[in-house]
Amino acid sequence: MPELSCTVRRVGDYESRTEEYEISYSVEDAKPRGLRIKYQAARAYEINAALDAAVETARVAVSEAHSGLARPTYEALSQFTWRAIQSAKYEGGKARTSRLEL
């Protein structure tokens, strides 16, 4: 079964209240799709806007890989992305990869 891979790396000042991440999505051998997000941890609207942009990028990656794949819901992609971001938060810039079965 194909998987959506999400690779996240924290960039910028790790001591700042503003968090910045590079996120890349890929499905199997398809061209990866990436983006860079930035938000202040205390501002929910900034986090939501960043997740919206990330989910849209993930949807593009899935649709370009295979048109016949099941499309995960917005909520599933949002939760998947948020968990991937949190797994990379304290890694000191080291990339972390998470996978979601499609």
PDB file of N, CA and C in Angstrom:
ATOM      1  N   MET A   1       0.846  -1.178   0.000  1.00  0.00           N
ATOM      2  CA  MET A   1       0.000   0.000   0.000  1.00  0.00           C
ATOM      3  C   MET A   1       0.895   1.246   0.000  1.00  0.00           C
ATOM      4  N   PRO A   2       0.587   2.238  -0.834  1.00  0.00           N
ATOM      5  CA  PRO A   2       1.407   3.453  -0.882  1.00  0.00           C
ATOM      6  C   PRO A   2       1.336   4.244   0.428  1.00  0.00           C
ATOM      7  N   GLU A   3       2.393   4.991   0.676  1.00  0.00           N
ATOM      8  CA  GLU A   3       2.474   5.810   1.880  1.00  0.00           C
ATOM      9  C   GLU A   3       2.805   7.251   1.516  1.00  0.00           C
ATOM     10  N   LEU A   4       2.258   8.165   2.295  1.00  0.00           N
ATOM     11  CA  LEU A   4       2.623   9.567   2.213  1.00  0.00           C
ATOM     12  C   LEU A   4       3.718   9.779   3.241  1.00  0.00           C
ATOM     13  N   SER A   5       4.885  10.229   2.782  1.00  0.00           N
ATOM     14  CA  SER A   5       5.993  10.523   3.689  1.00  0.00           C
ATOM     15  C   SER A   5       6.054  12.019   3.933  1.00  0.00           C
ATOM     16  N   CYS A   6       6.257  12.386   5.163  1.00  0.00           N
ATOM     17  CA  CYS A   6       6.379  13.786   5.544  1.00  0.00           C
ATOM     18  C   CYS A   6       7.697  13.953   6.300  1.00  0.00           C
ATOM     19  N   THR A   7       8.609  14.722   5.716  1.00  0.00           N
ATOM     20  CA  THR A   7       9.892  14.987   6.350  1.00  0.00           C
ATOM     21  C   THR A   7       9.888  16.425   6.845  1.00  0.00           C
ATOM     22  N   VAL A   8      10.177  16.588   8.123  1.00  0.00           N
ATOM     23  CA  VAL A   8      10.126  17.900   8.759  1.00  0.00           C
ATOM     24  C   VAL A   8      11.473  18.199   9.401  1.00  0.00           C
ATOM     25  N   ARG A   9      11.909  19.449   9.219  1.00  0.00           N
ATOM     26  CA  ARG A   9      13.153  19.901   9.850  1.00  0.00           C
ATOM     27  C   ARG A   9      12.910  21.301  10.396  1.00  0.00           C
ATOM     28  N   ARG A  10      13.256  21.496  11.669  1.00  0.00           N
ATOM     29  CA  ARG A  10      13.119  22.825  12.258  1.00  0.00           C
ATOM     30  C   ARG A  10      14.300  23.681  11.837  1.00  0.00           C
ATOM     31  N   VAL A  11      14.015  24.905  11.458  1.00  0.00           N
ATOM     32  CA  VAL A  11      15.047  25.853  11.046  1.00  0.00           C
ATOM     33  C   VAL A  11      14.873  27.132  11.848  1.00  0.00           C
ATOM     34  N   GLY A  12      15.838  28.013  11.766  1.00  0.00           N
ATOM     35  CA  GLY A  12      15.735  29.295  12.468  1.00  0.00           C
ATOM     36  C   GLY A  12      16.254  29.208  13.884  1.00  0.00           C
ATOM     37  N   ASP A  13      15.882  30.177  14.684  1.00  0.00           N
ATOM     38  CA  ASP A  13      16.314  30.292  16.077  1.00  0.00           C
ATOM     39  C   ASP A  13      15.484  29.350  16.942  1.00  0.00           C
ATOM     40  N   TYR A  14      16.125  28.366  17.529  1.00  0.00           N
ATOM     41  CA  TYR A  14      15.420  27.364  18.320  1.00  0.00           C
ATOM     42  C   TYR A  14      14.931  27.904  19.661  1.00  0.00           C
ATOM     43  N   GLU A  15      15.462  29.025  20.109  1.00  0.00           N
ATOM     44  CA  GLU A  15      15.063  29.616  21.383  1.00  0.00           C
ATOM     45  C   GLU A  15      13.944  30.641  21.220  1.00  0.00           C
ATOM     46  N   SER A  16      13.596  30.971  20.008  1.00  0.00           N
ATOM     47  CA  SER A  16      12.579  31.971  19.729  1.00  0.00           C
ATOM     48  C   SER A  16      11.182  31.404  19.945  1.00  0.00           C
ATOM     49  N   ARG A  17      10.225  32.288  20.210  1.00  0.00           N
ATOM     50  CA  ARG A  17       8.827  31.863  20.308  1.00  0.00           C
ATOM     51  C   ARG A  17       8.246  31.619  18.926  1.00  0.00           C
ATOM     52  N   THR A  18       8.922  32.133  17.904  1.00  0.00           N
ATOM     53  CA  THR A  18       8.506  31.889  16.527  1.00  0.00           C
ATOM     54  C   THR A  18       9.180  30.612  16.051  1.00  0.00           C
ATOM     55  N   GLU A  19       8.381  29.683  15.584  1.00  0.00           N
ATOM     56  CA  GLU A  19       8.900  28.401  15.118  1.00  0.00           C
ATOM     57  C   GLU A  19       8.844  28.362  13.596  1.00  0.00           C
ATOM     58  N   GLU A  20       9.919  27.864  12.986  1.00  0.00           N
ATOM     59  CA  GLU A  20       9.998  27.740  11.532  1.00  0.00           C
ATOM     60  C   GLU A  20      10.374  26.314  11.179  1.00  0.00           C
ATOM     61  N   TYR A  21       9.720  25.787  10.142  1.00  0.00           N
ATOM     62  CA  TYR A  21       9.963  24.415   9.714  1.00  0.00           C
ATOM     63  C   TYR A  21      10.004  24.319   8.204  1.00  0.00           C
ATOM     64  N   GLU A  22      10.805  23.406   7.710  1.00  0.00           N
ATOM     65  CA  GLU A  22      10.775  23.002   6.305  1.00  0.00           C
ATOM     66  C   GLU A  22      10.072  21.654   6.276  1.00  0.00           C
ATOM     67  N   ILE A  23       9.053  21.557   5.442  1.00  0.00           N
ATOM     68  CA  ILE A  23       8.257  20.335   5.355  1.00  0.00           C
ATOM     69  C   ILE A  23       8.255  19.853   3.916  1.00  0.00           C
ATOM     70  N   SER A  24       8.447  18.554   3.749  1.00  0.00           N
ATOM     71  CA  SER A  24       8.427  17.957   2.417  1.00  0.00           C
ATOM     72  C   SER A  24       7.535  16.722   2.440  1.00  0.00           C
ATOM     73  N   TYR A  25       6.640  16.631   1.448  1.00  0.00           N
ATOM     74  CA  TYR A  25       5.751  15.485   1.309  1.00  0.00           C
ATOM     75  C   TYR A  25       6.107  14.729   0.041  1.00  0.00           C
ATOM     76  N   SER A  26       6.035  13.401   0.099  1.00  0.00           N
ATOM     77  CA  SER A  26       6.241  12.598  -1.106  1.00  0.00           C
ATOM     78  C   SER A  26       5.464  11.295  -0.992  1.00  0.00           C
ATOM     79  N   VAL A  27       5.100  10.779  -2.159  1.00  0.00           N
ATOM     80  CA  VAL A  27       4.426   9.484  -2.254  1.00  0.00           C
ATOM     81  C   VAL A  27       5.252   8.633  -3.195  1.00  0.00           C
ATOM     82  N   GLU A  28       5.790   7.546  -2.659  1.00  0.00           N
ATOM     83  CA  GLU A  28       6.636   6.631  -3.419  1.00  0.00           C
ATOM     84  C   GLU A  28       7.717   7.401  -4.176  1.00  0.00           C
ATOM     85  N   ASP A  29       7.805   7.208  -5.504  1.00  0.00           N
ATOM     86  CA  ASP A  29       8.874   7.816  -6.290  1.00  0.00           C
ATOM     87  C   ASP A  29       8.480   9.146  -6.930  1.00  0.00           C
ATOM     88  N   ALA A  30       7.324   9.668  -6.579  1.00  0.00           N
ATOM     89  CA  ALA A  30       6.868  10.930  -7.162  1.00  0.00           C
ATOM     90  C   ALA A  30       7.726  12.096  -6.656  1.00  0.00           C
ATOM     91  N   LYS A  31       7.714  13.172  -7.422  1.00  0.00           N
ATOM     92  CA  LYS A  31       8.479  14.363  -7.055  1.00  0.00           C
ATOM     93  C   LYS A  31       7.987  14.908  -5.713  1.00  0.00           C
ATOM     94  N   PRO A  32       8.897  15.134  -4.764  1.00  0.00           N
ATOM     95  CA  PRO A  32       8.485  15.675  -3.461  1.00  0.00           C
ATOM     96  C   PRO A  32       7.963  17.099  -3.590  1.00  0.00           C
ATOM     97  N   ARG A  33       7.030  17.428  -2.736  1.00  0.00           N
ATOM     98  CA  ARG A  33       6.470  18.778  -2.660  1.00  0.00           C
ATOM     99  C   ARG A  33       6.821  19.349  -1.297  1.00  0.00           C
ATOM    100  N   GLY A  34       7.337  20.551  -1.271  1.00  0.00           N
ATOM    101  CA  GLY A  34       7.757  21.112   0.001  1.00  0.00           C
ATOM    102  C   GLY A  34       7.270  22.527   0.227  1.00  0.00           C
ATOM    103  N   LEU A  35       7.390  22.950   1.465  1.00  0.00           N
ATOM    104  CA  LEU A  35       7.066  24.314   1.843  1.00  0.00           C
ATOM    105  C   LEU A  35       7.784  24.658   3.132  1.00  0.00           C
ATOM    106  N   ARG A  36       7.797  25.920   3.434  1.00  0.00           N
ATOM    107  CA  ARG A  36       8.389  26.402   4.670  1.00  0.00           C
ATOM    108  C   ARG A  36       7.292  27.151   5.417  1.00  0.00           C
ATOM    109  N   ILE A  37       7.100  26.791   6.682  1.00  0.00           N
ATOM    110  CA  ILE A  37       6.080  27.450   7.478  1.00  0.00           C
ATOM    111  C   ILE A  37       6.736  28.162   8.656  1.00  0.00           C
ATOM    112  N   LYS A  38       6.017  29.153   9.156  1.00  0.00           N
ATOM    113  CA  LYS A  38       6.515  29.944  10.279  1.00  0.00           C
ATOM    114  C   LYS A  38       5.301  30.396  11.076  1.00  0.00           C
ATOM    115  N   TYR A  39       5.368  30.209  12.391  1.00  0.00           N
ATOM    116  CA  TYR A  39       4.266  30.661  13.243  1.00  0.00           C
ATOM    117  C   TYR A  39       4.782  30.927  14.640  1.00  0.00           C
ATOM    118  N   GLN A  40       4.037  31.771  15.363  1.00  0.00           N
ATOM    119  CA  GLN A  40       4.349  32.006  16.761  1.00  0.00           C
ATOM    120  C   GLN A  40       3.511  31.023  17.568  1.00  0.00           C
ATOM    121  N   ALA A  41       4.149  30.282  18.451  1.00  0.00           N
ATOM    122  CA  ALA A  41       3.495  29.187  19.161  1.00  0.00           C
ATOM    123  C   ALA A  41       2.279  29.635  19.971  1.00  0.00           C
ATOM    124  N   ALA A  42       2.222  30.879  20.395  1.00  0.00           N
ATOM    125  CA  ALA A  42       1.112  31.364  21.212  1.00  0.00           C
ATOM    126  C   ALA A  42      -0.077  31.842  20.376  1.00  0.00           C
ATOM    127  N   ARG A  43       0.048  31.816  19.059  1.00  0.00           N
ATOM    128  CA  ARG A  43      -1.022  32.327  18.207  1.00  0.00           C
ATOM    129  C   ARG A  43      -1.658  31.194  17.405  1.00  0.00           C
ATOM    130  N   ALA A  44      -2.803  30.761  17.867  1.00  0.00           N
ATOM    131  CA  ALA A  44      -3.482  29.630  17.235  1.00  0.00           C
ATOM    132  C   ALA A  44      -3.808  29.907  15.777  1.00  0.00           C
ATOM    133  N   TYR A  45      -4.170  31.137  15.452  1.00  0.00           N
ATOM    134  CA  TYR A  45      -4.521  31.438  14.065  1.00  0.00           C
ATOM    135  C   TYR A  45      -3.320  31.292  13.139  1.00  0.00           C
ATOM    136  N   GLU A  46      -2.112  31.567  13.640  1.00  0.00           N
ATOM    137  CA  GLU A  46      -0.906  31.371  12.825  1.00  0.00           C
ATOM    138  C   GLU A  46      -0.628  29.880  12.638  1.00  0.00           C
ATOM    139  N   ILE A  47      -0.830  29.108  13.681  1.00  0.00           N
ATOM    140  CA  ILE A  47      -0.640  27.652  13.585  1.00  0.00           C
ATOM    141  C   ILE A  47      -1.640  27.078  12.588  1.00  0.00           C
ATOM    142  N   ASN A  48      -2.902  27.497  12.685  1.00  0.00           N
ATOM    143  CA  ASN A  48      -3.930  26.994  11.769  1.00  0.00           C
ATOM    144  C   ASN A  48      -3.629  27.373  10.326  1.00  0.00           C
ATOM    145  N   ALA A  49      -3.168  28.588  10.094  1.00  0.00           N
ATOM    146  CA  ALA A  49      -2.820  29.010   8.730  1.00  0.00           C
ATOM    147  C   ALA A  49      -1.656  28.184   8.186  1.00  0.00           C
ATOM    148  N   ALA A  50      -0.664  27.907   9.039  1.00  0.00           N
ATOM    149  CA  ALA A  50       0.472  27.092   8.621  1.00  0.00           C
ATOM    150  C   ALA A  50       0.023  25.671   8.293  1.00  0.00           C
ATOM    151  N   LEU A  51      -0.859  25.113   9.119  1.00  0.00           N
ATOM    152  CA  LEU A  51      -1.364  23.764   8.860  1.00  0.00           C
ATOM    153  C   LEU A  51      -2.207  23.725   7.591  1.00  0.00           C
ATOM    154  N   ASP A  52      -2.991  24.769   7.337  1.00  0.00           N
ATOM    155  CA  ASP A  52      -3.771  24.834   6.093  1.00  0.00           C
ATOM    156  C   ASP A  52      -2.857  24.765   4.877  1.00  0.00           C
ATOM    157  N   ALA A  53      -1.779  25.540   4.907  1.00  0.00           N
ATOM    158  CA  ALA A  53      -0.829  25.540   3.784  1.00  0.00           C
ATOM    159  C   ALA A  53      -0.163  24.174   3.634  1.00  0.00           C
ATOM    160  N   ALA A  54       0.184  23.557   4.753  1.00  0.00           N
ATOM    161  CA  ALA A  54       0.824  22.243   4.711  1.00  0.00           C
ATOM    162  C   ALA A  54      -0.125  21.175   4.170  1.00  0.00           C
ATOM    163  N   VAL A  55      -1.373  21.205   4.594  1.00  0.00           N
ATOM    164  CA  VAL A  55      -2.355  20.231   4.118  1.00  0.00           C
ATOM    165  C   VAL A  55      -2.557  20.381   2.613  1.00  0.00           C
ATOM    166  N   GLU A  56      -2.624  21.602   2.127  1.00  0.00           N
ATOM    167  CA  GLU A  56      -2.784  21.820   0.686  1.00  0.00           C
ATOM    168  C   GLU A  56      -1.590  21.240  -0.079  1.00  0.00           C
ATOM    169  N   THR A  57      -0.388  21.417   0.448  1.00  0.00           N
ATOM    170  CA  THR A  57       0.806  20.860  -0.186  1.00  0.00           C
ATOM    171  C   THR A  57       0.756  19.333  -0.173  1.00  0.00           C
ATOM    172  N   ALA A  58       0.310  18.752   0.930  1.00  0.00           N
ATOM    173  CA  ALA A  58       0.183  17.289   1.021  1.00  0.00           C
ATOM    174  C   ALA A  58      -0.835  16.772   0.005  1.00  0.00           C
ATOM    175  N   ARG A  59      -1.931  17.485  -0.146  1.00  0.00           N
ATOM    176  CA  ARG A  59      -2.955  17.071  -1.113  1.00  0.00           C
ATOM    177  C   ARG A  59      -2.417  17.096  -2.540  1.00  0.00           C
ATOM    178  N   VAL A  60      -1.618  18.103  -2.852  1.00  0.00           N
ATOM    179  CA  VAL A  60      -1.009  18.179  -4.183  1.00  0.00           C
ATOM    180  C   VAL A  60      -0.067  17.001  -4.384  1.00  0.00           C
ATOM    181  N   ALA A  61       0.731  16.690  -3.379  1.00  0.00           N
ATOM    182  CA  ALA A  61       1.671  15.566  -3.487  1.00  0.00           C
ATOM    183  C   ALA A  61       0.933  14.260  -3.738  1.00  0.00           C
ATOM    184  N   VAL A  62      -0.177  14.038  -3.034  1.00  0.00           N
ATOM    185  CA  VAL A  62      -0.953  12.805  -3.197  1.00  0.00           C
ATOM    186  C   VAL A  62      -1.597  12.760  -4.573  1.00  0.00           C
ATOM    187  N   SER A  63      -2.202  13.862  -4.995  1.00  0.00           N
ATOM    188  CA  SER A  63      -2.915  13.855  -6.278  1.00  0.00           C
ATOM    189  C   SER A  63      -1.957  13.720  -7.460  1.00  0.00           C
ATOM    190  N   GLU A  64      -0.752  14.250  -7.354  1.00  0.00           N
ATOM    191  CA  GLU A  64       0.219  14.123  -8.445  1.00  0.00           C
ATOM    192  C   GLU A  64       0.829  12.736  -8.513  1.00  0.00           C
ATOM    193  N   ALA A  65       0.883  12.052  -7.390  1.00  0.00           N
ATOM    194  CA  ALA A  65       1.513  10.733  -7.364  1.00  0.00           C
ATOM    195  C   ALA A  65       0.661   9.703  -8.100  1.00  0.00           C
ATOM    196  N   HIS A  66      -0.583   9.604  -7.735  1.00  0.00           N
ATOM    197  CA  HIS A  66      -1.500   8.614  -8.325  1.00  0.00           C
ATOM    198  C   HIS A  66      -2.910   9.159  -8.234  1.00  0.00           C
ATOM    199  N   SER A  67      -3.582   9.235  -9.347  1.00  0.00           N
ATOM    200  CA  SER A  67      -4.951   9.750  -9.324  1.00  0.00           C
ATOM    201  C   SER A  67      -5.921   8.760  -8.683  1.00  0.00           C
ATOM    202  N   GLY A  68      -5.561   7.498  -8.621  1.00  0.00           N
ATOM    203  CA  GLY A  68      -6.456   6.487  -8.072  1.00  0.00           C
ATOM    204  C   GLY A  68      -6.333   6.280  -6.575  1.00  0.00           C
ATOM    205  N   LEU A  69      -5.438   7.009  -5.919  1.00  0.00           N
ATOM    206  CA  LEU A  69      -5.258   6.827  -4.487  1.00  0.00           C
ATOM    207  C   LEU A  69      -6.420   7.422  -3.700  1.00  0.00           C
ATOM    208  N   ALA A  70      -6.699   6.801  -2.575  1.00  0.00           N
ATOM    209  CA  ALA A  70      -7.695   7.370  -1.666  1.00  0.00           C
ATOM    210  C   ALA A  70      -7.131   8.678  -1.124  1.00  0.00           C
ATOM    211  N   ARG A  71      -7.961   9.653  -1.048  1.00  0.00           N
ATOM    212  CA  ARG A  71      -7.521  10.964  -0.573  1.00  0.00           C
ATOM    213  C   ARG A  71      -7.847  11.108   0.912  1.00  0.00           C
ATOM    214  N   PRO A  72      -6.822  11.277   1.724  1.00  0.00           N
ATOM    215  CA  PRO A  72      -7.069  11.466   3.161  1.00  0.00           C
ATOM    216  C   PRO A  72      -7.861  12.758   3.395  1.00  0.00           C
ATOM    217  N   THR A  73      -8.608  12.789   4.474  1.00  0.00           N
ATOM    218  CA  THR A  73      -9.395  13.967   4.816  1.00  0.00           C
ATOM    219  C   THR A  73      -8.483  15.093   5.283  1.00  0.00           C
ATOM    220  N   TYR A  74      -9.035  16.291   5.308  1.00  0.00           N
ATOM    221  CA  TYR A  74      -8.285  17.446   5.816  1.00  0.00           C
ATOM    222  C   TYR A  74      -7.827  17.171   7.248  1.00  0.00           C
ATOM    223  N   GLU A  75      -8.740  16.664   8.067  1.00  0.00           N
ATOM    224  CA  GLU A  75      -8.415  16.413   9.471  1.00  0.00           C
ATOM    225  C   GLU A  75      -7.287  15.391   9.617  1.00  0.00           C
ATOM    226  N   ALA A  76      -7.327  14.325   8.832  1.00  0.00           N
ATOM    227  CA  ALA A  76      -6.274  13.303   8.912  1.00  0.00           C
ATOM    228  C   ALA A  76      -4.924  13.888   8.516  1.00  0.00           C
ATOM    229  N   LEU A  77      -4.898  14.679   7.446  1.00  0.00           N
ATOM    230  CA  LEU A  77      -3.636  15.290   7.004  1.00  0.00           C
ATOM    231  C   LEU A  77      -3.140  16.335   7.998  1.00  0.00           C
ATOM    232  N   SER A  78      -4.058  17.081   8.575  1.00  0.00           N
ATOM    233  CA  SER A  78      -3.690  18.093   9.548  1.00  0.00           C
ATOM    234  C   SER A  78      -3.082  17.457  10.800  1.00  0.00           C
ATOM    235  N   GLN A  79      -3.724  16.418  11.312  1.00  0.00           N
ATOM    236  CA  GLN A  79      -3.202  15.721  12.492  1.00  0.00           C
ATOM    237  C   GLN A  79      -1.861  15.051  12.194  1.00  0.00           C
ATOM    238  N   PHE A  80      -1.763  14.439  11.036  1.00  0.00           N
ATOM    239  CA  PHE A  80      -0.510  13.794  10.616  1.00  0.00           C
ATOM    240  C   PHE A  80       0.618  14.825  10.560  1.00  0.00           C
ATOM    241  N   THR A  81       0.346  15.976   9.959  1.00  0.00           N
ATOM    242  CA  THR A  81       1.359  17.025   9.840  1.00  0.00           C
ATOM    243  C   THR A  81       1.732  17.577  11.208  1.00  0.00           C
ATOM    244  N   TRP A  82       0.743  17.841  12.047  1.00  0.00           N
ATOM    245  CA  TRP A  82       1.030  18.392  13.371  1.00  0.00           C
ATOM    246  C   TRP A  82       1.902  17.434  14.186  1.00  0.00           C
ATOM    247  N   ARG A  83       1.607  16.157  14.124  1.00  0.00           N
ATOM    248  CA  ARG A  83       2.435  15.179  14.850  1.00  0.00           C
ATOM    249  C   ARG A  83       3.852  15.122  14.287  1.00  0.00           C
ATOM    250  N   ALA A  84       3.962  15.237  12.965  1.00  0.00           N
ATOM    251  CA  ALA A  84       5.293  15.237  12.342  1.00  0.00           C
ATOM    252  C   ALA A  84       6.088  16.467  12.781  1.00  0.00           C
ATOM    253  N   ILE A  85       5.424  17.614  12.844  1.00  0.00           N
ATOM    254  CA  ILE A  85       6.088  18.838  13.293  1.00  0.00           C
ATOM    255  C   ILE A  85       6.548  18.683  14.735  1.00  0.00           C
ATOM    256  N   GLN A  86       5.681  18.185  15.584  1.00  0.00           N
ATOM    257  CA  GLN A  86       6.031  18.023  16.992  1.00  0.00           C
ATOM    258  C   GLN A  86       7.183  17.036  17.188  1.00  0.00           C
ATOM    259  N   SER A  87       7.275  16.031  16.320  1.00  0.00           N
ATOM    260  CA  SER A  87       8.366  15.059  16.456  1.00  0.00           C
ATOM    261  C   SER A  87       9.711  15.684  16.109  1.00  0.00           C
ATOM    262  N   ALA A  88       9.710  16.751  15.302  1.00  0.00           N
ATOM    263  CA  ALA A  88      10.962  17.400  14.903  1.00  0.00           C
ATOM    264  C   ALA A  88      11.289  18.624  15.749  1.00  0.00           C
ATOM    265  N   LYS A  89      10.382  19.026  16.594  1.00  0.00           N
ATOM    266  CA  LYS A  89      10.508  20.284  17.335  1.00  0.00           C
ATOM    267  C   LYS A  89      11.798  20.394  18.146  1.00  0.00           C
ATOM    268  N   TYR A  90      12.169  19.358  18.850  1.00  0.00           N
ATOM    269  CA  TYR A  90      13.334  19.413  19.737  1.00  0.00           C
ATOM    270  C   TYR A  90      14.516  18.598  19.225  1.00  0.00           C
ATOM    271  N   GLU A  91      14.586  18.400  17.923  1.00  0.00           N
ATOM    272  CA  GLU A  91      15.655  17.598  17.333  1.00  0.00           C
ATOM    273  C   GLU A  91      16.874  18.433  16.922  1.00  0.00           C
ATOM    274  N   GLY A  92      16.866  19.723  17.206  1.00  0.00           N
ATOM    275  CA  GLY A  92      18.017  20.564  16.915  1.00  0.00           C
ATOM    276  C   GLY A  92      18.335  20.701  15.431  1.00  0.00           C
ATOM    277  N   GLY A  93      17.326  20.696  14.591  1.00  0.00           N
ATOM    278  CA  GLY A  93      17.541  20.849  13.158  1.00  0.00           C
ATOM    279  C   GLY A  93      17.658  19.552  12.384  1.00  0.00           C
ATOM    280  N   LYS A  94      17.623  18.441  13.077  1.00  0.00           N
ATOM    281  CA  LYS A  94      17.688  17.140  12.412  1.00  0.00           C
ATOM    282  C   LYS A  94      16.323  16.827  11.805  1.00  0.00           C
ATOM    283  N   ALA A  95      16.318  16.337  10.580  1.00  0.00           N
ATOM    284  CA  ALA A  95      15.069  16.006   9.886  1.00  0.00           C
ATOM    285  C   ALA A  95      14.463  14.726  10.454  1.00  0.00           C
ATOM    286  N   ARG A  96      13.142  14.726  10.561  1.00  0.00           N
ATOM    287  CA  ARG A  96      12.395  13.544  11.005  1.00  0.00           C
ATOM    288  C   ARG A  96      11.364  13.214   9.941  1.00  0.00           C
ATOM    289  N   THR A  97      11.200  11.931   9.651  1.00  0.00           N
ATOM    290  CA  THR A  97      10.246  11.496   8.640  1.00  0.00           C
ATOM    291  C   THR A  97       9.153  10.664   9.284  1.00  0.00           C
ATOM    292  N   SER A  98       7.909  11.009   8.931  1.00  0.00           N
ATOM    293  CA  SER A  98       6.735  10.255   9.381  1.00  0.00           C
ATOM    294  C   SER A  98       6.026   9.717   8.138  1.00  0.00           C
ATOM    295  N   ARG A  99       5.251   8.659   8.327  1.00  0.00           N
ATOM    296  CA  ARG A  99       4.555   8.037   7.184  1.00  0.00           C
ATOM    297  C   ARG A  99       3.088   7.806   7.524  1.00  0.00           C
ATOM    298  N   LEU A 100       2.248   7.965   6.479  1.00  0.00           N
ATOM    299  CA  LEU A 100       0.813   7.739   6.591  1.00  0.00           C
ATOM    300  C   LEU A 100       0.392   6.852   5.436  1.00  0.00           C
ATOM    301  N   GLU A 101      -0.236   5.717   5.758  1.00  0.00           N
ATOM    302  CA  GLU A 101      -0.729   4.825   4.697  1.00  0.00           C
ATOM    303  C   GLU A 101      -1.890   5.484   3.981  1.00  0.00           C
ATOM    304  N   LEU A 102      -1.873   5.340   2.654  1.00  0.00           N
ATOM    305  CA  LEU A 102      -2.953   5.915   1.838  1.00  0.00           C
ATOM    306  C   LEU A 102      -3.942   4.841   1.423  1.00  0.00           C
TER     307      LEU A 102
END
